[in-house]
Amino acid sequence: MAEMPLIETMPGANTAAPLLLLQGTGGTNLEMLNFGRRLSPQSPLITIGGRQGVGAQRQYYSQTAAGPVNPAQIAEEAGWLGKQVQQVCQEHRWDVQRLVVVGYSNGAAMAAYGVQTGQIPGQAALLFHPLLLPVANPVERPGYQVWLSAGQHDPLVTVATVKKVLANFDAIGTQTTLEITAGTHQLTPQEVLAAQTWLTVNAL
């Protein structure tokens, strides 16, 4: 079976904020496009898959329970993502300055990294259960808005980990909101609704 393309888009209103959708490990473009449409029915959608691994192991950076992450790999992939989304927005005449990046788990960690380094442009981020990645040279992002979620019973990404990600955003001047649910690593209807509401009020 052929691999799906890394980059896929779904049209929307050119006057609406575009969404960049970054999936969790093994996620698919179709899942993310459908999720993006739930979050924002009018937005143009962009999903870009990770270049590490294939199929159910596809990731934005190599992440295992046993070993540390590779900072050089993460920096390279964040730069690649930023360039791709800039190019896609330019081709479609979507407003990259209004971009909202949406990430889950591995994808949320990469989104958080790219926002902190300035490699991912835009105005806001929705980060569902982001892992913590070290950022050597974060840049100030005053006016940027970040919504994060965590599950109290998440065995993979603890509430404490997400609070550390949030603290890193506070340190670069972003406005942050944290949604804590009683769930696990899977998304709950409560947090999806909270994300939709926040997005409508703050970024669309």
N, C-alpha and C. Protein backbone atom coordinates (compact mmCIF):
# COMPACT_ATOMS: atom_id res chain seq x y z
N MET A 1 0.84 -1.19 0.00
CA MET A 1 0.00 0.00 0.00
C MET A 1 0.88 1.24 0.00
N ALA A 2 0.54 2.19 -0.88
CA ALA A 2 1.36 3.39 -1.03
C ALA A 2 1.20 4.30 0.18
N GLU A 3 2.28 4.98 0.52
CA GLU A 3 2.22 5.94 1.61
C GLU A 3 1.39 7.16 1.19
N MET A 4 0.64 7.71 2.12
CA MET A 4 -0.12 8.91 1.85
C MET A 4 0.83 10.10 1.71
N PRO A 5 0.42 11.14 0.94
CA PRO A 5 1.28 12.33 0.83
C PRO A 5 1.45 12.99 2.19
N LEU A 6 2.60 13.62 2.38
CA LEU A 6 2.86 14.26 3.67
C LEU A 6 2.00 15.50 3.87
N ILE A 7 1.71 16.22 2.79
CA ILE A 7 1.00 17.49 2.89
C ILE A 7 -0.33 17.39 2.16
N GLU A 8 -1.40 17.71 2.87
CA GLU A 8 -2.72 17.77 2.25
C GLU A 8 -3.45 19.01 2.76
N THR A 9 -4.34 19.53 1.93
CA THR A 9 -5.08 20.73 2.30
C THR A 9 -6.57 20.51 2.06
N MET A 10 -7.37 21.35 2.69
CA MET A 10 -8.81 21.36 2.47
C MET A 10 -9.22 22.82 2.38
N PRO A 11 -9.89 23.22 1.31
CA PRO A 11 -10.20 24.64 1.15
C PRO A 11 -11.20 25.13 2.18
N GLY A 12 -11.20 26.43 2.38
CA GLY A 12 -12.14 27.09 3.28
C GLY A 12 -12.29 28.52 2.81
N ALA A 13 -12.85 29.35 3.65
CA ALA A 13 -13.00 30.76 3.32
C ALA A 13 -11.64 31.45 3.40
N ASN A 14 -11.26 32.15 2.34
CA ASN A 14 -9.95 32.82 2.33
C ASN A 14 -9.86 33.91 3.38
N THR A 15 -11.01 34.37 3.88
CA THR A 15 -11.01 35.40 4.91
C THR A 15 -10.88 34.82 6.32
N ALA A 16 -10.94 33.48 6.44
CA ALA A 16 -10.86 32.83 7.74
C ALA A 16 -9.41 32.48 8.08
N ALA A 17 -9.13 32.35 9.36
CA ALA A 17 -7.78 31.96 9.80
C ALA A 17 -7.50 30.52 9.37
N PRO A 18 -6.36 30.26 8.70
CA PRO A 18 -6.02 28.89 8.33
C PRO A 18 -5.54 28.10 9.54
N LEU A 19 -5.77 26.78 9.51
CA LEU A 19 -5.32 25.89 10.58
C LEU A 19 -4.23 24.97 10.05
N LEU A 20 -3.13 24.86 10.78
CA LEU A 20 -2.09 23.87 10.52
C LEU A 20 -2.28 22.74 11.52
N LEU A 21 -2.49 21.52 11.02
CA LEU A 21 -2.85 20.38 11.87
C LEU A 21 -1.70 19.39 11.93
N LEU A 22 -1.20 19.14 13.15
CA LEU A 22 -0.08 18.24 13.35
C LEU A 22 -0.53 17.06 14.22
N GLN A 23 -0.43 15.88 13.66
CA GLN A 23 -1.02 14.68 14.28
C GLN A 23 -0.11 14.04 15.33
N GLY A 24 -0.71 13.17 16.13
CA GLY A 24 0.04 12.35 17.06
C GLY A 24 0.70 11.19 16.34
N THR A 25 1.52 10.44 17.04
CA THR A 25 2.21 9.29 16.43
C THR A 25 1.21 8.35 15.75
N GLY A 26 1.46 8.08 14.47
CA GLY A 26 0.61 7.15 13.73
C GLY A 26 -0.71 7.72 13.27
N GLY A 27 -0.94 9.00 13.49
CA GLY A 27 -2.18 9.63 13.02
C GLY A 27 -2.19 9.75 11.50
N THR A 28 -3.34 10.08 10.95
CA THR A 28 -3.45 10.21 9.49
C THR A 28 -3.90 11.61 9.11
N ASN A 29 -3.60 11.97 7.86
CA ASN A 29 -4.03 13.27 7.35
C ASN A 29 -5.55 13.40 7.41
N LEU A 30 -6.26 12.34 7.02
CA LEU A 30 -7.72 12.40 6.99
C LEU A 30 -8.29 12.65 8.38
N GLU A 31 -7.74 11.96 9.38
CA GLU A 31 -8.20 12.18 10.76
C GLU A 31 -8.02 13.65 11.15
N MET A 32 -6.88 14.21 10.82
CA MET A 32 -6.60 15.58 11.22
C MET A 32 -7.44 16.58 10.44
N LEU A 33 -7.67 16.33 9.16
CA LEU A 33 -8.53 17.24 8.39
C LEU A 33 -9.96 17.22 8.93
N ASN A 34 -10.45 16.04 9.26
CA ASN A 34 -11.79 15.95 9.84
C ASN A 34 -11.86 16.65 11.20
N PHE A 35 -10.81 16.50 11.99
CA PHE A 35 -10.75 17.14 13.29
C PHE A 35 -10.70 18.67 13.13
N GLY A 36 -9.88 19.12 12.18
CA GLY A 36 -9.79 20.55 11.93
C GLY A 36 -11.11 21.15 11.50
N ARG A 37 -11.87 20.41 10.68
CA ARG A 37 -13.16 20.90 10.24
C ARG A 37 -14.14 21.00 11.40
N ARG A 38 -14.04 20.08 12.37
CA ARG A 38 -14.87 20.17 13.58
C ARG A 38 -14.52 21.42 14.38
N LEU A 39 -13.23 21.72 14.48
CA LEU A 39 -12.80 22.86 15.27
C LEU A 39 -13.21 24.18 14.63
N SER A 40 -13.10 24.25 13.30
CA SER A 40 -13.35 25.51 12.60
C SER A 40 -13.95 25.23 11.22
N PRO A 41 -15.28 25.23 11.11
CA PRO A 41 -15.94 24.86 9.85
C PRO A 41 -15.56 25.73 8.65
N GLN A 42 -15.13 26.97 8.89
CA GLN A 42 -14.86 27.88 7.77
C GLN A 42 -13.38 27.96 7.37
N SER A 43 -12.49 27.48 8.21
CA SER A 43 -11.06 27.71 7.98
C SER A 43 -10.47 26.85 6.86
N PRO A 44 -9.55 27.40 6.08
CA PRO A 44 -8.71 26.56 5.24
C PRO A 44 -7.86 25.66 6.13
N LEU A 45 -7.67 24.42 5.71
CA LEU A 45 -6.95 23.45 6.55
C LEU A 45 -5.70 22.95 5.84
N ILE A 46 -4.63 22.80 6.62
CA ILE A 46 -3.36 22.26 6.14
C ILE A 46 -2.94 21.19 7.12
N THR A 47 -2.68 20.00 6.64
CA THR A 47 -2.08 19.00 7.51
C THR A 47 -0.76 18.54 6.91
N ILE A 48 0.26 18.47 7.73
CA ILE A 48 1.59 18.06 7.29
C ILE A 48 2.06 16.93 8.19
N GLY A 49 2.28 15.76 7.61
CA GLY A 49 2.72 14.61 8.39
C GLY A 49 4.19 14.69 8.74
N GLY A 50 4.57 13.93 9.76
CA GLY A 50 5.97 13.88 10.16
C GLY A 50 6.80 13.07 9.18
N ARG A 51 8.09 13.33 9.15
CA ARG A 51 9.00 12.64 8.21
C ARG A 51 9.79 11.52 8.87
N GLN A 52 9.55 11.28 10.17
CA GLN A 52 10.26 10.20 10.86
C GLN A 52 9.35 8.98 10.97
N GLY A 53 9.81 7.83 10.52
CA GLY A 53 9.02 6.61 10.60
C GLY A 53 7.96 6.56 9.50
N VAL A 54 7.22 5.46 9.46
CA VAL A 54 6.17 5.28 8.46
C VAL A 54 4.94 4.68 9.13
N GLY A 55 3.79 4.89 8.49
CA GLY A 55 2.56 4.26 8.96
C GLY A 55 2.25 4.59 10.41
N ALA A 56 2.01 3.54 11.19
CA ALA A 56 1.62 3.71 12.59
C ALA A 56 2.75 4.27 13.45
N GLN A 57 3.97 4.33 12.91
CA GLN A 57 5.12 4.86 13.65
C GLN A 57 5.54 6.25 13.18
N ARG A 58 4.74 6.86 12.28
CA ARG A 58 5.13 8.17 11.76
C ARG A 58 5.10 9.22 12.86
N GLN A 59 6.17 10.03 12.93
CA GLN A 59 6.30 11.08 13.93
C GLN A 59 7.00 12.29 13.34
N TYR A 60 6.94 13.40 14.05
CA TYR A 60 7.68 14.61 13.63
C TYR A 60 9.12 14.56 14.10
N TYR A 61 9.35 13.88 15.21
CA TYR A 61 10.71 13.64 15.69
C TYR A 61 10.72 12.27 16.35
N SER A 62 11.84 11.62 16.36
CA SER A 62 11.93 10.28 16.92
C SER A 62 11.77 10.33 18.43
N GLN A 63 10.78 9.62 18.91
CA GLN A 63 10.42 9.68 20.33
C GLN A 63 10.22 8.25 20.84
N THR A 64 11.05 7.85 21.78
CA THR A 64 10.89 6.53 22.39
C THR A 64 10.96 6.67 23.90
N ALA A 65 10.44 5.68 24.58
CA ALA A 65 10.48 5.71 26.05
C ALA A 65 11.90 5.51 26.56
N ALA A 66 12.75 4.88 25.74
CA ALA A 66 14.07 4.47 26.22
C ALA A 66 15.14 5.56 26.10
N GLY A 67 15.03 6.39 25.04
CA GLY A 67 16.16 7.27 24.78
C GLY A 67 15.79 8.73 24.69
N PRO A 68 16.78 9.62 24.78
CA PRO A 68 16.53 11.05 24.68
C PRO A 68 16.23 11.46 23.24
N VAL A 69 15.62 12.63 23.09
CA VAL A 69 15.35 13.15 21.76
C VAL A 69 16.62 13.75 21.17
N ASN A 70 16.61 13.96 19.87
CA ASN A 70 17.75 14.52 19.15
C ASN A 70 17.46 15.99 18.86
N PRO A 71 18.09 16.94 19.57
CA PRO A 71 17.78 18.36 19.37
C PRO A 71 18.00 18.83 17.93
N ALA A 72 19.02 18.32 17.27
CA ALA A 72 19.30 18.74 15.89
C ALA A 72 18.18 18.30 14.96
N GLN A 73 17.68 17.08 15.18
CA GLN A 73 16.57 16.58 14.36
C GLN A 73 15.33 17.43 14.57
N ILE A 74 15.03 17.76 15.81
CA ILE A 74 13.83 18.56 16.11
C ILE A 74 13.94 19.93 15.46
N ALA A 75 15.09 20.57 15.57
CA ALA A 75 15.29 21.90 14.98
C ALA A 75 15.12 21.84 13.46
N GLU A 76 15.67 20.80 12.84
CA GLU A 76 15.57 20.66 11.38
C GLU A 76 14.12 20.45 10.95
N GLU A 77 13.40 19.60 11.67
CA GLU A 77 12.02 19.31 11.29
C GLU A 77 11.11 20.51 11.53
N ALA A 78 11.34 21.27 12.60
CA ALA A 78 10.55 22.47 12.84
C ALA A 78 10.78 23.50 11.74
N GLY A 79 12.02 23.63 11.32
CA GLY A 79 12.32 24.55 10.22
C GLY A 79 11.64 24.12 8.92
N TRP A 80 11.65 22.82 8.65
CA TRP A 80 10.99 22.28 7.46
C TRP A 80 9.49 22.53 7.50
N LEU A 81 8.87 22.27 8.67
CA LEU A 81 7.43 22.52 8.81
C LEU A 81 7.09 23.98 8.56
N GLY A 82 7.88 24.87 9.15
CA GLY A 82 7.63 26.30 8.97
C GLY A 82 7.70 26.72 7.52
N LYS A 83 8.70 26.22 6.80
CA LYS A 83 8.84 26.57 5.38
C LYS A 83 7.68 26.01 4.56
N GLN A 84 7.26 24.78 4.87
CA GLN A 84 6.16 24.17 4.11
C GLN A 84 4.86 24.95 4.30
N VAL A 85 4.55 25.33 5.52
CA VAL A 85 3.28 26.03 5.75
C VAL A 85 3.32 27.43 5.15
N GLN A 86 4.47 28.07 5.18
CA GLN A 86 4.61 29.37 4.52
C GLN A 86 4.33 29.24 3.02
N GLN A 87 4.89 28.20 2.42
CA GLN A 87 4.73 27.99 0.98
C GLN A 87 3.28 27.68 0.62
N VAL A 88 2.65 26.79 1.40
CA VAL A 88 1.26 26.43 1.12
C VAL A 88 0.35 27.65 1.24
N CYS A 89 0.54 28.45 2.29
CA CYS A 89 -0.30 29.64 2.47
C CYS A 89 -0.09 30.64 1.34
N GLN A 90 1.15 30.78 0.90
CA GLN A 90 1.44 31.70 -0.20
C GLN A 90 0.76 31.22 -1.49
N GLU A 91 0.85 29.92 -1.76
CA GLU A 91 0.25 29.38 -2.98
C GLU A 91 -1.27 29.57 -3.01
N HIS A 92 -1.91 29.43 -1.85
CA HIS A 92 -3.37 29.50 -1.78
C HIS A 92 -3.88 30.89 -1.39
N ARG A 93 -2.95 31.80 -1.11
CA ARG A 93 -3.29 33.15 -0.68
C ARG A 93 -4.06 33.14 0.63
N TRP A 94 -3.62 32.25 1.52
CA TRP A 94 -4.17 32.23 2.88
C TRP A 94 -3.27 33.06 3.77
N ASP A 95 -3.86 33.71 4.77
CA ASP A 95 -3.14 34.65 5.62
C ASP A 95 -2.31 33.92 6.68
N VAL A 96 -1.02 33.74 6.42
CA VAL A 96 -0.16 32.98 7.33
C VAL A 96 0.02 33.69 8.67
N GLN A 97 -0.18 35.00 8.69
CA GLN A 97 -0.05 35.73 9.96
C GLN A 97 -1.19 35.42 10.92
N ARG A 98 -2.29 34.89 10.38
CA ARG A 98 -3.43 34.50 11.23
C ARG A 98 -3.45 32.99 11.50
N LEU A 99 -2.40 32.30 11.08
CA LEU A 99 -2.35 30.85 11.22
C LEU A 99 -2.55 30.41 12.67
N VAL A 100 -3.34 29.34 12.82
CA VAL A 100 -3.50 28.68 14.12
C VAL A 100 -2.95 27.27 13.97
N VAL A 101 -1.96 26.92 14.77
CA VAL A 101 -1.40 25.56 14.71
C VAL A 101 -2.10 24.71 15.76
N VAL A 102 -2.54 23.52 15.34
CA VAL A 102 -3.26 22.58 16.20
C VAL A 102 -2.45 21.30 16.25
N GLY A 103 -2.07 20.85 17.44
CA GLY A 103 -1.25 19.64 17.54
C GLY A 103 -1.72 18.73 18.65
N TYR A 104 -1.46 17.45 18.44
CA TYR A 104 -1.80 16.43 19.45
C TYR A 104 -0.56 15.60 19.76
N SER A 105 -0.20 15.49 21.03
CA SER A 105 0.86 14.62 21.51
C SER A 105 2.20 14.94 20.84
N ASN A 106 2.74 14.05 20.03
CA ASN A 106 4.00 14.29 19.32
C ASN A 106 3.89 15.55 18.46
N GLY A 107 2.76 15.71 17.78
CA GLY A 107 2.54 16.90 16.96
C GLY A 107 2.40 18.16 17.78
N ALA A 108 1.79 18.05 18.97
CA ALA A 108 1.67 19.21 19.85
C ALA A 108 3.03 19.65 20.38
N ALA A 109 3.88 18.67 20.67
CA ALA A 109 5.23 18.99 21.13
C ALA A 109 6.01 19.73 20.04
N MET A 110 5.88 19.26 18.80
CA MET A 110 6.57 19.92 17.69
C MET A 110 6.00 21.32 17.46
N ALA A 111 4.68 21.46 17.57
CA ALA A 111 4.06 22.78 17.42
C ALA A 111 4.57 23.73 18.49
N ALA A 112 4.59 23.25 19.74
CA ALA A 112 5.07 24.09 20.84
C ALA A 112 6.51 24.54 20.60
N TYR A 113 7.33 23.61 20.15
CA TYR A 113 8.74 23.93 19.86
C TYR A 113 8.83 25.00 18.78
N GLY A 114 8.10 24.79 17.67
CA GLY A 114 8.17 25.72 16.55
C GLY A 114 7.65 27.11 16.87
N VAL A 115 6.65 27.18 17.75
CA VAL A 115 6.15 28.49 18.17
C VAL A 115 7.19 29.19 19.04
N GLN A 116 7.81 28.44 19.95
CA GLN A 116 8.80 29.05 20.84
C GLN A 116 10.06 29.51 20.11
N THR A 117 10.43 28.83 19.04
CA THR A 117 11.61 29.23 18.27
C THR A 117 11.29 30.28 17.21
N GLY A 118 10.00 30.50 16.95
CA GLY A 118 9.59 31.42 15.90
C GLY A 118 9.57 30.79 14.52
N GLN A 119 9.80 29.48 14.43
CA GLN A 119 9.82 28.83 13.11
C GLN A 119 8.42 28.60 12.56
N ILE A 120 7.42 28.51 13.44
CA ILE A 120 6.04 28.38 13.00
C ILE A 120 5.36 29.72 13.19
N PRO A 121 4.87 30.32 12.10
CA PRO A 121 4.27 31.66 12.17
C PRO A 121 2.84 31.59 12.69
N GLY A 122 2.21 32.77 12.78
CA GLY A 122 0.79 32.80 13.10
C GLY A 122 0.47 33.52 14.39
N GLN A 123 -0.77 33.28 14.86
CA GLN A 123 -1.31 34.04 15.99
C GLN A 123 -1.67 33.20 17.20
N ALA A 124 -1.85 31.87 17.01
CA ALA A 124 -2.35 31.08 18.13
C ALA A 124 -2.03 29.61 17.94
N ALA A 125 -2.11 28.87 19.06
CA ALA A 125 -1.86 27.42 19.04
C ALA A 125 -2.86 26.72 19.96
N LEU A 126 -3.32 25.55 19.49
CA LEU A 126 -4.11 24.63 20.31
C LEU A 126 -3.26 23.38 20.48
N LEU A 127 -2.88 23.09 21.72
CA LEU A 127 -1.94 22.01 21.98
C LEU A 127 -2.59 20.98 22.91
N PHE A 128 -2.95 19.84 22.34
CA PHE A 128 -3.58 18.77 23.10
C PHE A 128 -2.51 17.81 23.61
N HIS A 129 -2.32 17.75 24.92
CA HIS A 129 -1.40 16.82 25.57
C HIS A 129 0.03 16.91 24.99
N PRO A 130 0.62 18.11 24.99
CA PRO A 130 1.97 18.25 24.42
C PRO A 130 3.05 17.68 25.32
N LEU A 131 4.01 16.97 24.72
CA LEU A 131 5.21 16.56 25.44
C LEU A 131 6.14 17.77 25.55
N LEU A 132 7.07 17.71 26.47
CA LEU A 132 8.00 18.81 26.72
C LEU A 132 9.28 18.58 25.92
N LEU A 133 9.64 19.56 25.11
CA LEU A 133 10.89 19.52 24.36
C LEU A 133 11.77 20.69 24.78
N PRO A 134 13.08 20.48 24.91
CA PRO A 134 13.97 21.58 25.25
C PRO A 134 14.11 22.56 24.08
N VAL A 135 14.07 23.85 24.38
CA VAL A 135 14.21 24.89 23.36
C VAL A 135 15.41 25.75 23.77
N ALA A 136 16.46 25.70 22.96
CA ALA A 136 17.71 26.37 23.34
C ALA A 136 17.59 27.89 23.28
N ASN A 137 16.93 28.41 22.24
CA ASN A 137 16.89 29.85 22.04
C ASN A 137 15.46 30.32 21.73
N PRO A 138 14.59 30.32 22.74
CA PRO A 138 13.22 30.77 22.50
C PRO A 138 13.17 32.26 22.18
N VAL A 139 12.17 32.66 21.39
CA VAL A 139 12.00 34.06 21.01
C VAL A 139 10.71 34.59 21.64
N GLU A 140 10.69 35.88 21.89
CA GLU A 140 9.49 36.51 22.45
C GLU A 140 8.35 36.43 21.43
N ARG A 141 7.15 36.09 21.92
CA ARG A 141 5.96 36.07 21.05
C ARG A 141 4.81 36.84 21.72
N PRO A 142 5.01 38.14 21.99
CA PRO A 142 3.95 38.92 22.64
C PRO A 142 2.71 38.96 21.75
N GLY A 143 1.55 38.80 22.37
CA GLY A 143 0.31 38.81 21.62
C GLY A 143 -0.11 37.44 21.11
N TYR A 144 0.81 36.49 21.11
CA TYR A 144 0.49 35.13 20.67
C TYR A 144 -0.33 34.45 21.77
N GLN A 145 -1.31 33.64 21.36
CA GLN A 145 -2.18 32.98 22.32
C GLN A 145 -2.06 31.46 22.22
N VAL A 146 -2.02 30.81 23.38
CA VAL A 146 -1.82 29.36 23.42
C VAL A 146 -2.85 28.73 24.36
N TRP A 147 -3.55 27.72 23.85
CA TRP A 147 -4.47 26.91 24.64
C TRP A 147 -3.86 25.52 24.75
N LEU A 148 -3.81 24.98 25.96
CA LEU A 148 -3.22 23.66 26.19
C LEU A 148 -4.22 22.79 26.95
N SER A 149 -4.14 21.47 26.72
CA SER A 149 -4.98 20.56 27.49
C SER A 149 -4.15 19.41 28.02
N ALA A 150 -4.65 18.85 29.14
CA ALA A 150 -4.00 17.72 29.80
C ALA A 150 -5.07 16.85 30.44
N GLY A 151 -4.78 15.56 30.55
CA GLY A 151 -5.69 14.62 31.21
C GLY A 151 -5.11 14.18 32.55
N GLN A 152 -5.93 14.22 33.59
CA GLN A 152 -5.45 13.84 34.92
C GLN A 152 -4.98 12.39 34.99
N HIS A 153 -5.49 11.54 34.11
CA HIS A 153 -5.12 10.13 34.12
C HIS A 153 -4.35 9.73 32.86
N ASP A 154 -3.68 10.70 32.25
CA ASP A 154 -2.88 10.44 31.06
C ASP A 154 -1.57 9.77 31.49
N PRO A 155 -1.32 8.52 31.06
CA PRO A 155 -0.09 7.84 31.47
C PRO A 155 1.13 8.26 30.65
N LEU A 156 0.91 8.98 29.55
CA LEU A 156 2.00 9.34 28.65
C LEU A 156 2.47 10.79 28.83
N VAL A 157 1.52 11.69 29.04
CA VAL A 157 1.84 13.11 29.21
C VAL A 157 1.11 13.59 30.46
N THR A 158 1.84 13.81 31.54
CA THR A 158 1.21 14.17 32.80
C THR A 158 0.78 15.64 32.81
N VAL A 159 -0.09 15.96 33.74
CA VAL A 159 -0.49 17.36 33.93
C VAL A 159 0.73 18.21 34.27
N ALA A 160 1.63 17.67 35.07
CA ALA A 160 2.85 18.41 35.44
C ALA A 160 3.69 18.74 34.21
N THR A 161 3.77 17.80 33.27
CA THR A 161 4.53 18.05 32.03
C THR A 161 3.89 19.19 31.24
N VAL A 162 2.58 19.15 31.09
CA VAL A 162 1.90 20.20 30.32
C VAL A 162 2.06 21.55 31.02
N LYS A 163 2.06 21.57 32.34
CA LYS A 163 2.27 22.82 33.06
C LYS A 163 3.67 23.38 32.82
N LYS A 164 4.66 22.50 32.62
CA LYS A 164 6.01 22.97 32.27
C LYS A 164 6.03 23.59 30.88
N VAL A 165 5.29 22.97 29.94
CA VAL A 165 5.17 23.55 28.59
C VAL A 165 4.53 24.93 28.69
N LEU A 166 3.47 25.03 29.49
CA LEU A 166 2.78 26.31 29.68
C LEU A 166 3.73 27.36 30.26
N ALA A 167 4.54 26.97 31.25
CA ALA A 167 5.48 27.92 31.86
C ALA A 167 6.48 28.45 30.84
N ASN A 168 6.89 27.60 29.92
CA ASN A 168 7.80 28.04 28.86
C ASN A 168 7.14 29.09 27.97
N PHE A 169 5.85 28.92 27.72
CA PHE A 169 5.13 29.92 26.92
C PHE A 169 4.96 31.22 27.70
N ASP A 170 4.65 31.11 28.98
CA ASP A 170 4.55 32.32 29.80
C ASP A 170 5.85 33.12 29.75
N ALA A 171 6.97 32.40 29.71
CA ALA A 171 8.27 33.05 29.74
C ALA A 171 8.57 33.85 28.47
N ILE A 172 7.88 33.56 27.37
CA ILE A 172 8.13 34.31 26.12
C ILE A 172 6.98 35.28 25.81
N GLY A 173 6.13 35.52 26.80
CA GLY A 173 5.15 36.58 26.67
C GLY A 173 3.84 36.21 26.01
N THR A 174 3.55 34.92 25.85
CA THR A 174 2.28 34.54 25.25
C THR A 174 1.17 34.56 26.31
N GLN A 175 -0.06 34.57 25.82
CA GLN A 175 -1.21 34.44 26.71
C GLN A 175 -1.63 32.97 26.70
N THR A 176 -1.76 32.36 27.88
CA THR A 176 -1.99 30.93 27.95
C THR A 176 -3.28 30.59 28.67
N THR A 177 -3.87 29.47 28.25
CA THR A 177 -5.06 28.91 28.88
C THR A 177 -4.84 27.41 29.01
N LEU A 178 -5.14 26.84 30.17
CA LEU A 178 -4.95 25.41 30.40
C LEU A 178 -6.29 24.75 30.73
N GLU A 179 -6.61 23.70 29.99
CA GLU A 179 -7.81 22.89 30.22
C GLU A 179 -7.37 21.53 30.75
N ILE A 180 -7.79 21.20 31.97
CA ILE A 180 -7.46 19.90 32.56
C ILE A 180 -8.74 19.07 32.64
N THR A 181 -8.68 17.86 32.09
CA THR A 181 -9.84 16.98 32.12
C THR A 181 -9.56 15.79 33.03
N ALA A 182 -10.59 15.01 33.27
CA ALA A 182 -10.44 13.79 34.08
C ALA A 182 -10.06 12.59 33.22
N GLY A 183 -9.69 12.86 31.96
CA GLY A 183 -9.46 11.78 31.01
C GLY A 183 -8.03 11.26 30.99
N THR A 184 -7.78 10.42 29.97
CA THR A 184 -6.46 9.82 29.75
C THR A 184 -5.78 10.53 28.60
N HIS A 185 -5.00 9.79 27.79
CA HIS A 185 -4.31 10.43 26.66
C HIS A 185 -5.26 10.69 25.49
N GLN A 186 -6.38 9.97 25.45
CA GLN A 186 -7.36 10.19 24.40
C GLN A 186 -8.12 11.49 24.67
N LEU A 187 -8.49 12.17 23.60
CA LEU A 187 -9.22 13.43 23.76
C LEU A 187 -10.64 13.16 24.25
N THR A 188 -11.12 14.04 25.11
CA THR A 188 -12.48 13.92 25.61
C THR A 188 -13.38 14.93 24.90
N PRO A 189 -14.69 14.65 24.83
CA PRO A 189 -15.62 15.64 24.25
C PRO A 189 -15.53 16.99 24.95
N GLN A 190 -15.28 16.96 26.26
CA GLN A 190 -15.18 18.20 27.03
C GLN A 190 -14.04 19.08 26.52
N GLU A 191 -12.86 18.49 26.30
CA GLU A 191 -11.74 19.33 25.90
C GLU A 191 -11.86 19.78 24.45
N VAL A 192 -12.46 18.95 23.59
CA VAL A 192 -12.67 19.37 22.20
C VAL A 192 -13.64 20.55 22.16
N LEU A 193 -14.71 20.49 22.94
CA LEU A 193 -15.66 21.60 23.01
C LEU A 193 -14.99 22.85 23.58
N ALA A 194 -14.18 22.67 24.61
CA ALA A 194 -13.47 23.81 25.20
C ALA A 194 -12.52 24.45 24.17
N ALA A 195 -11.85 23.60 23.37
CA ALA A 195 -10.95 24.11 22.33
C ALA A 195 -11.72 24.88 21.26
N GLN A 196 -12.86 24.33 20.83
CA GLN A 196 -13.69 25.01 19.84
C GLN A 196 -14.12 26.38 20.33
N THR A 197 -14.58 26.42 21.57
CA THR A 197 -15.07 27.68 22.14
C THR A 197 -13.95 28.69 22.24
N TRP A 198 -12.79 28.26 22.75
CA TRP A 198 -11.64 29.17 22.89
C TRP A 198 -11.22 29.70 21.52
N LEU A 199 -11.16 28.80 20.54
CA LEU A 199 -10.72 29.18 19.20
C LEU A 199 -11.65 30.22 18.59
N THR A 200 -12.95 29.99 18.74
CA THR A 200 -13.94 30.92 18.18
C THR A 200 -13.80 32.30 18.80
N VAL A 201 -13.57 32.35 20.09
CA VAL A 201 -13.49 33.63 20.79
C VAL A 201 -12.16 34.36 20.51
N ASN A 202 -11.06 33.59 20.41
CA ASN A 202 -9.73 34.20 20.42
C ASN A 202 -9.02 34.30 19.08
N ALA A 203 -9.41 33.50 18.10
CA ALA A 203 -8.56 33.46 16.91
C ALA A 203 -9.31 33.45 15.57
N LEU A 204 -10.61 33.24 15.58
CA LEU A 204 -11.31 33.13 14.29
C LEU A 204 -12.00 34.44 13.91
